Amino acid sequence: QVQLVESGGGLAQAGGSLRLSCAASGSISGLLPRAWYRQVPGKERELVADINGDGTTYYGDFVKGRFFISRGVVGKTVILQMNSLEPADTAVYYCYASELGTPNEYWGQGTQVTVSS
């Protein structure tokens, strides 16, 4: 069974920083935690950042150089460093993982990020 455990969400002031971490576990050898999405009530989930198997990264247009996605040193982890946070960044952030060679997708439970002005 696959588990994606997210941590690091919480409350930040505008201009501040938060670091989200997602640790993947499970018996699937091709499991690749690779992206963060976010969602606010009434809106579709949107891609924040993605890092593929060779390290190529992609960011949503709204990121504008403020966030950085990377892989953790230990285990199957993906990290999102968020700087210069804005109230518009308030959302539930979800970790996403794919399984190499298959169409299977996995999602974390989500972690709340709230940015106050």
C-alpha atoms as a PDB file:
ATOM      1  CA  GLN A   1       0.000   0.000   0.000  1.00  0.00           C
ATOM      2  CA  VAL A   2       1.258   3.436  -0.939  1.00  0.00           C
ATOM      3  CA  GLN A   3       1.350   6.254   1.576  1.00  0.00           C
ATOM      4  CA  LEU A   4       2.310   9.854   0.948  1.00  0.00           C
ATOM      5  CA  VAL A   5       2.831  11.674   4.228  1.00  0.00           C
ATOM      6  CA  GLU A   6       2.970  15.457   4.013  1.00  0.00           C
ATOM      7  CA  SER A   7       4.362  17.786   6.650  1.00  0.00           C
ATOM      8  CA  GLY A   8       5.352  21.410   7.060  1.00  0.00           C
ATOM      9  CA  GLY A   9       2.115  23.239   6.428  1.00  0.00           C
ATOM     10  CA  GLY A  10       0.752  25.824   8.792  1.00  0.00           C
ATOM     11  CA  LEU A  11       0.432  29.546   9.262  1.00  0.00           C
ATOM     12  CA  ALA A  12       2.820  32.127   7.852  1.00  0.00           C
ATOM     13  CA  GLN A  13       2.800  35.872   7.468  1.00  0.00           C
ATOM     14  CA  ALA A  14       2.952  37.515   4.067  1.00  0.00           C
ATOM     15  CA  GLY A  15       6.562  37.612   2.945  1.00  0.00           C
ATOM     16  CA  GLY A  16       7.446  34.616   5.081  1.00  0.00           C
ATOM     17  CA  SER A  17       8.496  31.086   4.192  1.00  0.00           C
ATOM     18  CA  LEU A  18       7.300  27.544   4.677  1.00  0.00           C
ATOM     19  CA  ARG A  19       8.855  24.228   3.715  1.00  0.00           C
ATOM     20  CA  LEU A  20       6.628  21.323   2.755  1.00  0.00           C
ATOM     21  CA  SER A  21       7.903  17.780   2.751  1.00  0.00           C
ATOM     22  CA  CYS A  22       6.336  14.620   1.360  1.00  0.00           C
ATOM     23  CA  ALA A  23       7.615  11.174   2.231  1.00  0.00           C
ATOM     24  CA  ALA A  24       6.468   8.235   0.143  1.00  0.00           C
ATOM     25  CA  SER A  25       6.354   4.676   1.365  1.00  0.00           C
ATOM     26  CA  GLY A  26       5.116   1.434  -0.120  1.00  0.00           C
ATOM     27  CA  SER A  27       6.239  -1.734  -1.802  1.00  0.00           C
ATOM     28  CA  ILE A  28       6.116  -0.320  -5.336  1.00  0.00           C
ATOM     29  CA  SER A  29       9.650   0.037  -6.659  1.00  0.00           C
ATOM     30  CA  GLY A  30       8.688   2.536  -9.355  1.00  0.00           C
ATOM     31  CA  LEU A  31       6.967   4.952  -6.981  1.00  0.00           C
ATOM     32  CA  LEU A  32       8.072   8.511  -7.694  1.00  0.00           C
ATOM     33  CA  PRO A  33       6.889  11.404  -5.523  1.00  0.00           C
ATOM     34  CA  ARG A  34       7.218  14.285  -7.950  1.00  0.00           C
ATOM     35  CA  ALA A  35       4.838  17.204  -7.569  1.00  0.00           C
ATOM     36  CA  TRP A  36       2.830  19.527  -5.393  1.00  0.00           C
ATOM     37  CA  TYR A  37      -0.651  20.744  -6.240  1.00  0.00           C
ATOM     38  CA  ARG A  38      -2.917  23.109  -4.361  1.00  0.00           C
ATOM     39  CA  GLN A  39      -6.618  23.680  -4.100  1.00  0.00           C
ATOM     40  CA  VAL A  40      -8.928  26.268  -2.592  1.00  0.00           C
ATOM     41  CA  PRO A  41     -12.667  25.704  -2.076  1.00  0.00           C
ATOM     42  CA  GLY A  42     -14.655  26.161  -5.250  1.00  0.00           C
ATOM     43  CA  LYS A  43     -11.634  26.000  -7.551  1.00  0.00           C
ATOM     44  CA  GLU A  44      -9.892  23.218  -9.418  1.00  0.00           C
ATOM     45  CA  ARG A  45      -6.717  21.722  -8.099  1.00  0.00           C
ATOM     46  CA  GLU A  46      -3.729  23.384  -9.774  1.00  0.00           C
ATOM     47  CA  LEU A  47      -0.143  22.376 -10.276  1.00  0.00           C
ATOM     48  CA  VAL A  48       2.357  24.256  -8.128  1.00  0.00           C
ATOM     49  CA  ALA A  49       5.581  22.490  -9.040  1.00  0.00           C
ATOM     50  CA  ASP A  50       6.795  19.262 -10.586  1.00  0.00           C
ATOM     51  CA  ILE A  51      10.162  17.518 -10.702  1.00  0.00           C
ATOM     52  CA  ASN A  52      10.505  14.562 -13.026  1.00  0.00           C
ATOM     53  CA  GLY A  53      12.813  11.594 -12.883  1.00  0.00           C
ATOM     54  CA  ASP A  54      15.788  13.353 -14.436  1.00  0.00           C
ATOM     55  CA  GLY A  55      15.427  16.402 -12.215  1.00  0.00           C
ATOM     56  CA  THR A  56      13.739  18.705 -14.699  1.00  0.00           C
ATOM     57  CA  THR A  57      11.428  21.088 -12.888  1.00  0.00           C
ATOM     58  CA  TYR A  58       8.275  22.915 -13.883  1.00  0.00           C
ATOM     59  CA  TYR A  59       6.396  25.600 -11.977  1.00  0.00           C
ATOM     60  CA  GLY A  60       2.969  27.142 -12.225  1.00  0.00           C
ATOM     61  CA  ASP A  61       2.977  30.660 -13.674  1.00  0.00           C
ATOM     62  CA  PHE A  62       1.915  32.150 -10.356  1.00  0.00           C
ATOM     63  CA  VAL A  63       5.092  30.908  -8.636  1.00  0.00           C
ATOM     64  CA  LYS A  64       7.267  33.594 -10.284  1.00  0.00           C
ATOM     65  CA  GLY A  65      10.540  32.339  -8.805  1.00  0.00           C
ATOM     66  CA  ARG A  66       9.280  32.189  -5.208  1.00  0.00           C
ATOM     67  CA  PHE A  67       9.061  28.411  -4.754  1.00  0.00           C
ATOM     68  CA  PHE A  68      11.603  25.635  -5.306  1.00  0.00           C
ATOM     69  CA  ILE A  69      10.968  21.918  -5.605  1.00  0.00           C
ATOM     70  CA  SER A  70      13.642  19.337  -4.890  1.00  0.00           C
ATOM     71  CA  ARG A  71      14.149  15.726  -3.875  1.00  0.00           C
ATOM     72  CA  GLY A  72      15.135  14.821  -0.372  1.00  0.00           C
ATOM     73  CA  VAL A  73      18.474  13.206   0.327  1.00  0.00           C
ATOM     74  CA  VAL A  74      17.036  10.218   2.172  1.00  0.00           C
ATOM     75  CA  GLY A  75      14.282   7.987   0.897  1.00  0.00           C
ATOM     76  CA  LYS A  76      11.565   8.891  -1.537  1.00  0.00           C
ATOM     77  CA  THR A  77      10.820  12.460  -0.573  1.00  0.00           C
ATOM     78  CA  VAL A  78       9.946  15.631  -2.396  1.00  0.00           C
ATOM     79  CA  ILE A  79      10.273  19.055  -0.845  1.00  0.00           C
ATOM     80  CA  LEU A  80       8.677  22.375  -1.696  1.00  0.00           C
ATOM     81  CA  GLN A  81      10.416  25.458  -0.333  1.00  0.00           C
ATOM     82  CA  MET A  82       8.021  28.394  -0.455  1.00  0.00           C
ATOM     83  CA  ASN A  83       9.379  31.911  -0.030  1.00  0.00           C
ATOM     84  CA  SER A  84       7.825  35.359  -0.290  1.00  0.00           C
ATOM     85  CA  LEU A  85       4.448  33.909   0.547  1.00  0.00           C
ATOM     86  CA  GLU A  86       1.330  35.863  -0.317  1.00  0.00           C
ATOM     87  CA  PRO A  87      -2.222  35.588   1.042  1.00  0.00           C
ATOM     88  CA  ALA A  88      -3.206  34.210  -2.385  1.00  0.00           C
ATOM     89  CA  ASP A  89      -1.035  31.179  -1.625  1.00  0.00           C
ATOM     90  CA  THR A  90      -3.506  30.100   1.057  1.00  0.00           C
ATOM     91  CA  ALA A  91      -4.724  26.632   0.056  1.00  0.00           C
ATOM     92  CA  VAL A  92      -4.540  22.953   0.825  1.00  0.00           C
ATOM     93  CA  TYR A  93      -1.342  21.598  -0.701  1.00  0.00           C
ATOM     94  CA  TYR A  94      -1.260  18.017  -1.966  1.00  0.00           C
ATOM     95  CA  CYS A  95       1.685  15.788  -2.720  1.00  0.00           C
ATOM     96  CA  TYR A  96       1.471  13.766  -5.925  1.00  0.00           C
ATOM     97  CA  ALA A  97       3.329  10.634  -6.952  1.00  0.00           C
ATOM     98  CA  SER A  98       3.414   8.623 -10.128  1.00  0.00           C
ATOM     99  CA  GLU A  99       4.432   5.043 -10.739  1.00  0.00           C
ATOM    100  CA  LEU A 100       7.026   4.630 -13.459  1.00  0.00           C
ATOM    101  CA  GLY A 101       5.787   2.735 -16.504  1.00  0.00           C
ATOM    102  CA  THR A 102       2.135   2.790 -15.437  1.00  0.00           C
ATOM    103  CA  PRO A 103      -0.743   5.308 -15.416  1.00  0.00           C
ATOM    104  CA  ASN A 104      -1.147   4.920 -11.648  1.00  0.00           C
ATOM    105  CA  GLU A 105      -1.294   8.074  -9.562  1.00  0.00           C
ATOM    106  CA  TYR A 106      -1.193   8.651  -5.831  1.00  0.00           C
ATOM    107  CA  TRP A 107      -2.146  11.613  -3.670  1.00  0.00           C
ATOM    108  CA  GLY A 108      -1.392  12.670  -0.147  1.00  0.00           C
ATOM    109  CA  GLN A 109      -4.060  13.760   2.329  1.00  0.00           C
ATOM    110  CA  GLY A 110      -3.191  17.410   1.948  1.00  0.00           C
ATOM    111  CA  THR A 111      -1.688  19.981   4.286  1.00  0.00           C
ATOM    112  CA  GLN A 112      -3.187  23.390   4.966  1.00  0.00           C
ATOM    113  CA  VAL A 113      -1.126  26.482   4.242  1.00  0.00           C
ATOM    114  CA  THR A 114      -2.521  29.780   5.471  1.00  0.00           C
ATOM    115  CA  VAL A 115      -0.817  33.086   4.761  1.00  0.00           C
ATOM    116  CA  SER A 116      -1.950  36.135   6.694  1.00  0.00           C
ATOM    117  CA  SER A 117      -1.571  39.694   5.454  1.00  0.00           C
END
